[in-house]
Amino acid sequence: MALFQYFKDVRGELKHVSWPTRHQVSVFTVAVIIISLITAAYLGLFDYLFSQVLQAFTSFFL
């Protein structure tokens, strides 16, 4: 019976949650995608640069 009370309490608490609107969800989703792409490009650029520097360094000394 405690399990049923738990789910009843959860349902009651979820009524107090301030859910985002569909527009807010869309805007936040686009923002996350854009930030993720920018971060991926930033990290990819530095990975490429460091690999080129390391390759030049190793070919110079080996």
Protein backbone atom coordinates (compact mmCIF):
# COMPACT_ATOMS: atom_id res chain seq x y z
CA MET A 1 0.00 0.00 0.00
CA ALA A 2 2.95 2.33 0.55
CA LEU A 3 3.80 2.03 -3.13
CA PHE A 4 0.37 3.33 -4.14
CA GLN A 5 0.72 6.25 -1.73
CA TYR A 6 4.14 7.02 -3.19
CA PHE A 7 2.76 7.22 -6.73
CA LYS A 8 -0.17 9.32 -5.53
CA ASP A 9 2.28 11.75 -3.89
CA VAL A 10 4.44 11.85 -7.01
CA ARG A 11 1.43 12.68 -9.14
CA GLY A 12 0.49 15.47 -6.73
CA GLU A 13 3.99 16.93 -6.83
CA LEU A 14 4.12 16.84 -10.62
CA LYS A 15 1.11 19.16 -10.68
CA HIS A 16 3.29 21.80 -8.99
CA VAL A 17 6.01 21.57 -11.65
CA SER A 18 6.32 24.55 -13.97
CA TRP A 19 6.61 22.84 -17.35
CA PRO A 20 8.25 24.72 -20.25
CA THR A 21 6.14 25.70 -23.22
CA ARG A 22 6.60 24.07 -26.61
CA HIS A 23 8.30 27.26 -27.84
CA GLN A 24 10.77 27.23 -24.93
CA VAL A 25 11.60 23.57 -25.56
CA SER A 26 12.23 24.32 -29.24
CA VAL A 27 14.46 27.32 -28.49
CA PHE A 28 16.46 25.45 -25.84
CA THR A 29 16.87 22.43 -28.13
CA VAL A 30 18.21 24.59 -30.97
CA ALA A 31 20.55 26.36 -28.52
CA VAL A 32 21.94 23.05 -27.26
CA ILE A 33 22.49 21.80 -30.81
CA ILE A 34 24.26 25.01 -31.86
CA ILE A 35 26.47 25.07 -28.75
CA SER A 36 27.31 21.39 -29.27
CA LEU A 37 28.32 22.02 -32.90
CA ILE A 38 30.46 25.00 -31.94
CA THR A 39 32.16 22.99 -29.19
CA ALA A 40 32.77 20.07 -31.57
CA ALA A 41 34.31 22.40 -34.17
CA TYR A 42 36.49 24.09 -31.52
CA LEU A 43 37.76 20.79 -30.14
CA GLY A 44 38.20 19.34 -33.64
CA LEU A 45 40.26 22.34 -34.72
CA PHE A 46 42.59 22.06 -31.73
CA ASP A 47 42.87 18.29 -32.19
CA TYR A 48 43.89 18.85 -35.80
CA LEU A 49 46.38 21.58 -34.88
CA PHE A 50 47.97 19.55 -32.09
CA SER A 51 48.23 16.47 -34.28
CA GLN A 52 49.94 18.52 -37.00
CA VAL A 53 52.38 20.01 -34.49
CA LEU A 54 53.10 16.58 -33.02
CA GLN A 55 53.58 15.08 -36.47
CA ALA A 56 55.99 17.88 -37.45
CA PHE A 57 57.84 17.52 -34.14
CA THR A 58 58.24 13.75 -34.45
CA SER A 59 59.26 13.87 -38.11
CA PHE A 60 61.89 16.52 -37.28
CA PHE A 61 63.52 14.47 -34.51
CA LEU A 62 63.06 10.97 -35.93
